[in-house]
PDB file of N, CA and C in Angstrom:
ATOM      1  N   MET A   1     -13.040 -10.503  -7.797  1.00  0.00           N
ATOM      2  CA  MET A   1     -12.022 -11.790  -7.505  1.00  0.00           C
ATOM      3  C   MET A   1     -11.584 -12.083  -8.274  1.00  0.00           C
ATOM      4  N   ASN A   2     -10.263 -12.066  -8.960  1.00  0.00           N
ATOM      5  CA  ASN A   2      -8.773 -12.035 -10.113  1.00  0.00           C
ATOM      6  C   ASN A   2      -7.734 -13.495  -9.610  1.00  0.00           C
ATOM      7  N   ILE A   3      -7.009 -13.225 -10.335  1.00  0.00           N
ATOM      8  CA  ILE A   3      -6.030 -15.514 -10.232  1.00  0.00           C
ATOM      9  C   ILE A   3      -5.767 -14.463  -8.940  1.00  0.00           C
ATOM     10  N   ASP A   4      -4.792 -13.569  -8.410  1.00  0.00           N
ATOM     11  CA  ASP A   4      -4.210 -13.455  -7.475  1.00  0.00           C
ATOM     12  C   ASP A   4      -4.833 -13.826  -6.223  1.00  0.00           C
ATOM     13  N   THR A   5      -6.081 -13.175  -6.201  1.00  0.00           N
ATOM     14  CA  THR A   5      -6.986 -13.553  -5.211  1.00  0.00           C
ATOM     15  C   THR A   5      -7.081 -15.424  -4.707  1.00  0.00           C
ATOM     16  N   VAL A   6      -7.208 -15.879  -6.707  1.00  0.00           N
ATOM     17  CA  VAL A   6      -8.070 -17.349  -6.445  1.00  0.00           C
ATOM     18  C   VAL A   6      -6.216 -18.562  -5.896  1.00  0.00           C
ATOM     19  N   ALA A   7      -5.915 -17.637  -5.961  1.00  0.00           N
ATOM     20  CA  ALA A   7      -4.401 -18.740  -6.077  1.00  0.00           C
ATOM     21  C   ALA A   7      -3.399 -18.466  -4.499  1.00  0.00           C
ATOM     22  N   GLY A   8      -3.130 -17.027  -4.091  1.00  0.00           N
ATOM     23  CA  GLY A   8      -3.548 -17.115  -2.505  1.00  0.00           C
ATOM     24  C   GLY A   8      -4.299 -17.630  -1.760  1.00  0.00           C
ATOM     25  N   GLU A   9      -5.559 -18.557  -2.021  1.00  0.00           N
ATOM     26  CA  GLU A   9      -5.898 -19.194  -1.378  1.00  0.00           C
ATOM     27  C   GLU A   9      -5.866 -20.570  -1.376  1.00  0.00           C
ATOM     28  N   GLY A  10      -5.561 -20.888  -2.982  1.00  0.00           N
ATOM     29  CA  GLY A  10      -4.947 -21.719  -2.645  1.00  0.00           C
ATOM     30  C   GLY A  10      -3.478 -22.349  -2.214  1.00  0.00           C
ATOM     31  N   THR A  11      -2.467 -21.411  -1.789  1.00  0.00           N
ATOM     32  CA  THR A  11      -1.697 -21.220  -1.566  1.00  0.00           C
ATOM     33  C   THR A  11      -1.511 -21.762   0.400  1.00  0.00           C
ATOM     34  N   ASN A  12      -2.225 -20.632   0.802  1.00  0.00           N
ATOM     35  CA  ASN A  12      -3.155 -20.534   1.653  1.00  0.00           C
ATOM     36  C   ASN A  12      -3.222 -22.258   2.683  1.00  0.00           C
ATOM     37  N   LEU A  13      -4.577 -22.761   1.218  1.00  0.00           N
ATOM     38  CA  LEU A  13      -4.820 -24.367   1.430  1.00  0.00           C
ATOM     39  C   LEU A  13      -3.907 -25.217   2.116  1.00  0.00           C
ATOM     40  N   LYS A  14      -2.888 -24.556   0.784  1.00  0.00           N
ATOM     41  CA  LYS A  14      -1.888 -26.364   0.563  1.00  0.00           C
ATOM     42  C   LYS A  14      -0.418 -25.797   1.376  1.00  0.00           C
ATOM     43  N   GLY A  15      -0.783 -24.293   1.906  1.00  0.00           N
ATOM     44  CA  GLY A  15      -0.195 -24.127   3.659  1.00  0.00           C
ATOM     45  C   GLY A  15      -1.010 -24.818   5.214  1.00  0.00           C
ATOM     46  N   ARG A  16      -1.231 -24.755   5.082  1.00  0.00           N
ATOM     47  CA  ARG A  16      -2.087 -25.174   6.279  1.00  0.00           C
ATOM     48  C   ARG A  16      -2.363 -27.094   5.855  1.00  0.00           C
ATOM     49  N   PHE A  17      -2.786 -27.083   5.127  1.00  0.00           N
ATOM     50  CA  PHE A  17      -2.477 -29.412   4.915  1.00  0.00           C
ATOM     51  C   PHE A  17      -0.803 -29.139   5.420  1.00  0.00           C
ATOM     52  N   LYS A  18      -0.123 -28.883   4.861  1.00  0.00           N
ATOM     53  CA  LYS A  18       1.660 -28.922   5.267  1.00  0.00           C
ATOM     54  C   LYS A  18       1.929 -29.545   6.373  1.00  0.00           C
ATOM     55  N   GLU A  19       1.526 -27.586   7.613  1.00  0.00           N
ATOM     56  CA  GLU A  19       1.685 -27.977   8.670  1.00  0.00           C
ATOM     57  C   GLU A  19       1.211 -28.134   9.034  1.00  0.00           C
ATOM     58  N   SER A  20      -0.764 -29.127   9.765  1.00  0.00           N
ATOM     59  CA  SER A  20      -1.149 -29.871  10.451  1.00  0.00           C
ATOM     60  C   SER A  20      -0.522 -31.452  10.455  1.00  0.00           C
ATOM     61  N   LEU A  21       0.388 -31.886   8.913  1.00  0.00           N
ATOM     62  CA  LEU A  21       0.388 -32.949   8.361  1.00  0.00           C
ATOM     63  C   LEU A  21       2.247 -32.754   9.205  1.00  0.00           C
ATOM     64  N   GLY A  22       2.593 -32.116   9.170  1.00  0.00           N
ATOM     65  CA  GLY A  22       3.647 -31.835   9.854  1.00  0.00           C
ATOM     66  C   GLY A  22       3.776 -31.539  11.778  1.00  0.00           C
ATOM     67  N   ASP A  23       2.426 -30.913  11.826  1.00  0.00           N
ATOM     68  CA  ASP A  23       2.245 -31.576  13.138  1.00  0.00           C
ATOM     69  C   ASP A  23       2.281 -32.680  13.409  1.00  0.00           C
ATOM     70  N   ALA A  24       1.354 -34.242  12.469  1.00  0.00           N
ATOM     71  CA  ALA A  24       1.050 -35.157  12.529  1.00  0.00           C
ATOM     72  C   ALA A  24       2.358 -36.062  12.795  1.00  0.00           C
ATOM     73  N   VAL A  25       3.252 -35.559  12.017  1.00  0.00           N
ATOM     74  CA  VAL A  25       3.904 -36.642  11.960  1.00  0.00           C
ATOM     75  C   VAL A  25       5.624 -36.186  12.795  1.00  0.00           C
ATOM     76  N   GLY A  26       5.552 -34.629  13.005  1.00  0.00           N
ATOM     77  CA  GLY A  26       5.920 -34.798  13.934  1.00  0.00           C
ATOM     78  C   GLY A  26       7.055 -33.746  12.856  1.00  0.00           C
ATOM     79  N   ASP A  27       7.132 -33.534  11.884  1.00  0.00           N
ATOM     80  CA  ASP A  27       7.950 -33.087  11.227  1.00  0.00           C
ATOM     81  C   ASP A  27       8.265 -31.443  10.852  1.00  0.00           C
ATOM     82  N   ARG A  28       8.884 -31.114  11.841  1.00  0.00           N
ATOM     83  CA  ARG A  28       9.378 -29.140  12.270  1.00  0.00           C
ATOM     84  C   ARG A  28       9.413 -28.465  11.020  1.00  0.00           C
ATOM     85  N   GLU A  29      10.164 -29.469  10.038  1.00  0.00           N
ATOM     86  CA  GLU A  29      10.767 -28.330   8.151  1.00  0.00           C
ATOM     87  C   GLU A  29       9.317 -28.415   7.627  1.00  0.00           C
ATOM     88  N   LEU A  30       8.311 -29.474   7.639  1.00  0.00           N
ATOM     89  CA  LEU A  30       7.679 -29.436   6.904  1.00  0.00           C
ATOM     90  C   LEU A  30       5.796 -28.158   7.593  1.00  0.00           C
ATOM     91  N   GLN A  31       6.328 -28.819   9.256  1.00  0.00           N
ATOM     92  CA  GLN A  31       5.218 -27.467   9.537  1.00  0.00           C
ATOM     93  C   GLN A  31       6.053 -25.728   9.164  1.00  0.00           C
ATOM     94  N   ARG A  32       7.344 -25.572   9.008  1.00  0.00           N
ATOM     95  CA  ARG A  32       7.743 -24.384   8.799  1.00  0.00           C
ATOM     96  C   ARG A  32       7.490 -23.874   7.493  1.00  0.00           C
ATOM     97  N   ASP A  33       7.227 -25.075   6.603  1.00  0.00           N
ATOM     98  CA  ASP A  33       7.396 -25.144   5.555  1.00  0.00           C
ATOM     99  C   ASP A  33       6.256 -24.545   5.225  1.00  0.00           C
ATOM    100  N   GLY A  34       4.992 -25.379   5.634  1.00  0.00           N
ATOM    101  CA  GLY A  34       3.535 -24.570   5.573  1.00  0.00           C
ATOM    102  C   GLY A  34       3.307 -23.570   6.389  1.00  0.00           C
ATOM    103  N   ALA A  35       4.136 -23.369   7.205  1.00  0.00           N
ATOM    104  CA  ALA A  35       3.322 -21.485   7.485  1.00  0.00           C
ATOM    105  C   ALA A  35       3.906 -20.365   6.380  1.00  0.00           C
ATOM    106  N   ALA A  36       5.322 -21.035   5.813  1.00  0.00           N
ATOM    107  CA  ALA A  36       5.591 -19.866   5.191  1.00  0.00           C
ATOM    108  C   ALA A  36       4.400 -19.777   3.858  1.00  0.00           C
ATOM    109  N   ASP A  37       3.940 -21.031   3.431  1.00  0.00           N
ATOM    110  CA  ASP A  37       2.767 -21.061   2.396  1.00  0.00           C
ATOM    111  C   ASP A  37       1.662 -20.511   3.119  1.00  0.00           C
ATOM    112  N   GLN A  38       1.599 -20.431   4.076  1.00  0.00           N
ATOM    113  CA  GLN A  38      -0.082 -20.021   4.546  1.00  0.00           C
ATOM    114  C   GLN A  38       0.438 -17.933   4.484  1.00  0.00           C
ATOM    115  N   VAL A  39       1.772 -17.723   5.187  1.00  0.00           N
ATOM    116  CA  VAL A  39       1.796 -16.489   4.776  1.00  0.00           C
ATOM    117  C   VAL A  39       2.227 -15.902   3.574  1.00  0.00           C
ATOM    118  N   SER A  40       2.597 -16.314   2.837  1.00  0.00           N
ATOM    119  CA  SER A  40       2.924 -16.097   0.932  1.00  0.00           C
ATOM    120  C   SER A  40       1.444 -15.913   0.665  1.00  0.00           C
ATOM    121  N   GLY A  41       0.266 -16.791   0.528  1.00  0.00           N
ATOM    122  CA  GLY A  41      -1.045 -17.080   0.126  1.00  0.00           C
ATOM    123  C   GLY A  41      -1.282 -15.793   0.724  1.00  0.00           C
ATOM    124  N   SER A  42      -1.316 -15.672   2.237  1.00  0.00           N
ATOM    125  CA  SER A  42      -2.197 -14.443   2.689  1.00  0.00           C
ATOM    126  C   SER A  42      -1.915 -12.819   1.664  1.00  0.00           C
ATOM    127  N   THR A  43      -0.406 -13.624   1.666  1.00  0.00           N
ATOM    128  CA  THR A  43      -0.158 -11.965   0.831  1.00  0.00           C
ATOM    129  C   THR A  43      -0.279 -11.988  -0.492  1.00  0.00           C
ATOM    130  N   ARG A  44      -0.640 -13.279  -0.943  1.00  0.00           N
ATOM    131  CA  ARG A  44      -0.645 -13.059  -2.456  1.00  0.00           C
ATOM    132  C   ARG A  44      -2.067 -12.377  -2.807  1.00  0.00           C
ATOM    133  N   LYS A  45      -3.261 -12.767  -1.667  1.00  0.00           N
ATOM    134  CA  LYS A  45      -5.098 -12.790  -1.459  1.00  0.00           C
ATOM    135  C   LYS A  45      -4.906 -11.458  -0.646  1.00  0.00           C
ATOM    136  N   ALA A  46      -4.064 -10.349  -0.589  1.00  0.00           N
ATOM    137  CA  ALA A  46      -4.034  -9.101   0.023  1.00  0.00           C
ATOM    138  C   ALA A  46      -3.841  -8.017  -1.350  1.00  0.00           C
ATOM    139  N   ILE A  47      -3.045  -9.063  -1.856  1.00  0.00           N
ATOM    140  CA  ILE A  47      -2.314  -8.023  -3.476  1.00  0.00           C
ATOM    141  C   ILE A  47      -3.713  -8.570  -4.193  1.00  0.00           C
ATOM    142  N   GLY A  48      -4.072  -9.651  -4.544  1.00  0.00           N
ATOM    143  CA  GLY A  48      -5.324  -9.156  -5.458  1.00  0.00           C
ATOM    144  C   GLY A  48      -6.481  -8.566  -4.866  1.00  0.00           C
ATOM    145  N   ALA A  49      -7.104  -8.537  -2.759  1.00  0.00           N
ATOM    146  CA  ALA A  49      -8.096  -7.148  -2.804  1.00  0.00           C
ATOM    147  C   ALA A  49      -7.684  -6.059  -3.362  1.00  0.00           C
ATOM    148  N   LEU A  50      -5.797  -5.567  -3.480  1.00  0.00           N
ATOM    149  CA  LEU A  50      -5.477  -4.475  -3.630  1.00  0.00           C
ATOM    150  C   LEU A  50      -6.460  -4.392  -5.024  1.00  0.00           C
ATOM    151  N   ARG A  51      -6.081  -5.571  -6.515  1.00  0.00           N
ATOM    152  CA  ARG A  51      -5.741  -5.673  -7.614  1.00  0.00           C
ATOM    153  C   ARG A  51      -7.334  -5.157  -7.827  1.00  0.00           C
ATOM    154  N   ASP A  52      -8.278  -5.849  -7.081  1.00  0.00           N
ATOM    155  CA  ASP A  52      -9.702  -5.236  -6.830  1.00  0.00           C
ATOM    156  C   ASP A  52     -10.081  -4.313  -6.874  1.00  0.00           C
ATOM    157  N   PHE A  53      -9.949  -3.819  -5.667  1.00  0.00           N
ATOM    158  CA  PHE A  53     -10.048  -1.877  -4.953  1.00  0.00           C
ATOM    159  C   PHE A  53     -10.140  -0.809  -5.590  1.00  0.00           C
ATOM    160  N   ALA A  54      -8.873  -1.254  -6.520  1.00  0.00           N
ATOM    161  CA  ALA A  54      -8.357  -0.299  -7.354  1.00  0.00           C
ATOM    162  C   ALA A  54      -9.236  -0.318  -9.150  1.00  0.00           C
ATOM    163  N   ARG A  55      -9.224  -1.399  -9.455  1.00  0.00           N
ATOM    164  CA  ARG A  55     -10.944  -1.917 -10.727  1.00  0.00           C
ATOM    165  C   ARG A  55     -11.894  -0.918 -10.443  1.00  0.00           C
ATOM    166  N   ASP A  56     -12.220  -1.420  -8.738  1.00  0.00           N
ATOM    167  CA  ASP A  56     -13.474  -0.928  -8.365  1.00  0.00           C
ATOM    168  C   ASP A  56     -13.076   0.604  -8.288  1.00  0.00           C
ATOM    169  N   GLN A  57     -12.896   0.957  -7.086  1.00  0.00           N
ATOM    170  CA  GLN A  57     -12.294   2.220  -6.968  1.00  0.00           C
ATOM    171  C   GLN A  57     -11.299   3.108  -7.416  1.00  0.00           C
ATOM    172  N   PRO A  58     -11.002   3.138  -9.052  1.00  0.00           N
ATOM    173  CA  PRO A  58     -10.684   3.815  -9.480  1.00  0.00           C
ATOM    174  C   PRO A  58      -9.557   5.310  -8.690  1.00  0.00           C
ATOM    175  N   VAL A  59     -10.844   5.873  -8.426  1.00  0.00           N
ATOM    176  CA  VAL A  59     -10.109   7.590  -8.229  1.00  0.00           C
ATOM    177  C   VAL A  59      -9.597   7.506  -7.066  1.00  0.00           C
ATOM    178  N   VAL A  60     -10.335   6.783  -6.357  1.00  0.00           N
ATOM    179  CA  VAL A  60      -9.955   6.890  -4.432  1.00  0.00           C
ATOM    180  C   VAL A  60      -8.937   5.810  -4.390  1.00  0.00           C
ATOM    181  N   ALA A  61      -8.296   4.416  -4.840  1.00  0.00           N
ATOM    182  CA  ALA A  61      -6.856   4.556  -5.375  1.00  0.00           C
ATOM    183  C   ALA A  61      -6.022   5.224  -5.973  1.00  0.00           C
ATOM    184  N   ALA A  62      -6.092   5.706  -6.896  1.00  0.00           N
ATOM    185  CA  ALA A  62      -5.545   6.838  -6.831  1.00  0.00           C
ATOM    186  C   ALA A  62      -5.362   8.151  -6.210  1.00  0.00           C
ATOM    187  N   ALA A  63      -5.759   8.405  -5.273  1.00  0.00           N
ATOM    188  CA  ALA A  63      -5.870   9.172  -4.438  1.00  0.00           C
ATOM    189  C   ALA A  63      -4.696   9.018  -3.224  1.00  0.00           C
ATOM    190  N   VAL A  64      -5.166   6.854  -3.111  1.00  0.00           N
ATOM    191  CA  VAL A  64      -4.094   6.754  -1.780  1.00  0.00           C
ATOM    192  C   VAL A  64      -3.695   7.029  -1.944  1.00  0.00           C
ATOM    193  N   ALA A  65      -2.555   6.638  -3.278  1.00  0.00           N
ATOM    194  CA  ALA A  65      -1.325   5.496  -3.712  1.00  0.00           C
ATOM    195  C   ALA A  65      -0.681   6.992  -4.410  1.00  0.00           C
ATOM    196  N   LEU A  66      -1.404   8.674  -4.624  1.00  0.00           N
ATOM    197  CA  LEU A  66      -0.431   9.633  -4.515  1.00  0.00           C
ATOM    198  C   LEU A  66      -0.389  10.070  -2.705  1.00  0.00           C
ATOM    199  N   VAL A  67      -1.081   9.833  -1.558  1.00  0.00           N
ATOM    200  CA  VAL A  67      -0.498  10.309  -0.658  1.00  0.00           C
ATOM    201  C   VAL A  67      -0.276   9.425   0.025  1.00  0.00           C
ATOM    202  N   VAL A  68      -0.282   8.244   0.205  1.00  0.00           N
ATOM    203  CA  VAL A  68       1.519   6.903  -0.432  1.00  0.00           C
ATOM    204  C   VAL A  68       2.286   7.494  -0.363  1.00  0.00           C
ATOM    205  N   GLY A  69       2.215   7.562  -1.468  1.00  0.00           N
ATOM    206  CA  GLY A  69       4.180   8.161  -2.750  1.00  0.00           C
ATOM    207  C   GLY A  69       4.591   9.393  -2.263  1.00  0.00           C
ATOM    208  N   TRP A  70       3.995  10.424  -2.009  1.00  0.00           N
ATOM    209  CA  TRP A  70       4.180  11.978  -1.151  1.00  0.00           C
ATOM    210  C   TRP A  70       4.722  11.161  -0.066  1.00  0.00           C
ATOM    211  N   ALA A  71       3.616  10.547   1.362  1.00  0.00           N
ATOM    212  CA  ALA A  71       4.717  10.260   2.251  1.00  0.00           C
ATOM    213  C   ALA A  71       5.708   9.329   1.930  1.00  0.00           C
ATOM    214  N   LEU A  72       6.152   8.954   1.708  1.00  0.00           N
ATOM    215  CA  LEU A  72       7.105   7.976   0.970  1.00  0.00           C
ATOM    216  C   LEU A  72       8.417   8.643   0.678  1.00  0.00           C
ATOM    217  N   LEU A  73       8.573   9.831  -0.373  1.00  0.00           N
ATOM    218  CA  LEU A  73       8.903  10.726  -0.631  1.00  0.00           C
ATOM    219  C   LEU A  73       9.191  11.818   0.509  1.00  0.00           C
ATOM    220  N   GLY A  74       9.399  11.982   1.260  1.00  0.00           N
ATOM    221  CA  GLY A  74       9.160  12.671   2.432  1.00  0.00           C
ATOM    222  C   GLY A  74       8.322  13.501   3.124  1.00  0.00           C
ATOM    223  N   GLY A  75       7.212  13.289   2.413  1.00  0.00           N
ATOM    224  CA  GLY A  75       5.917  14.640   2.802  1.00  0.00           C
ATOM    225  C   GLY A  75       5.319  14.685   3.949  1.00  0.00           C
ATOM    226  N   LEU A  76       5.490  13.362   4.782  1.00  0.00           N
ATOM    227  CA  LEU A  76       5.293  13.310   6.407  1.00  0.00           C
ATOM    228  C   LEU A  76       6.707  13.704   7.099  1.00  0.00           C
ATOM    229  N   ARG A  77       8.054  14.385   6.754  1.00  0.00           N
ATOM    230  CA  ARG A  77       8.681  14.376   8.109  1.00  0.00           C
ATOM    231  C   ARG A  77       9.099  15.536   8.607  1.00  0.00           C
ATOM    232  N   GLY A  78       8.161  16.637   7.887  1.00  0.00           N
ATOM    233  CA  GLY A  78       7.858  17.979   8.965  1.00  0.00           C
ATOM    234  C   GLY A  78       9.613  18.975   8.128  1.00  0.00           C
ATOM    235  N   ASP A  79      10.026  18.585   7.466  1.00  0.00           N
ATOM    236  CA  ASP A  79      11.649  19.950   6.868  1.00  0.00           C
ATOM    237  C   ASP A  79      10.607  20.853   6.755  1.00  0.00           C
ATOM    238  N   THR A  80      11.187  21.640   7.832  1.00  0.00           N
ATOM    239  CA  THR A  80      10.600  22.958   7.429  1.00  0.00           C
ATOM    240  C   THR A  80      11.745  23.546   6.354  1.00  0.00           C
ATOM    241  N   ARG A  81      13.226  23.249   6.356  1.00  0.00           N
ATOM    242  CA  ARG A  81      14.193  24.111   5.664  1.00  0.00           C
ATOM    243  C   ARG A  81      13.601  24.751   4.195  1.00  0.00           C
ATOM    244  N   ARG A  82      13.617  25.791   3.349  1.00  0.00           N
ATOM    245  CA  ARG A  82      13.072  26.253   2.551  1.00  0.00           C
ATOM    246  C   ARG A  82      13.732  27.158   1.527  1.00  0.00           C
TER     247      ARG A  82
END
């Protein structure tokens, strides 16, 4: 567990609270703000999970990064020009 995981969970909880409060008082802006906080918190938790994975499995993480980088740079385009 790292700071991103903890902070992401805190932001997620804050978002759920805001959304529930918005539901209770009928405040659509507060509901939307709460939903946005939940997305932000979930994203940060995912980043934390990736960091933990990379720390625990560095060889596998490097291989995945290499494949993703290759794909993003056009390796999967199927370009057959020579």
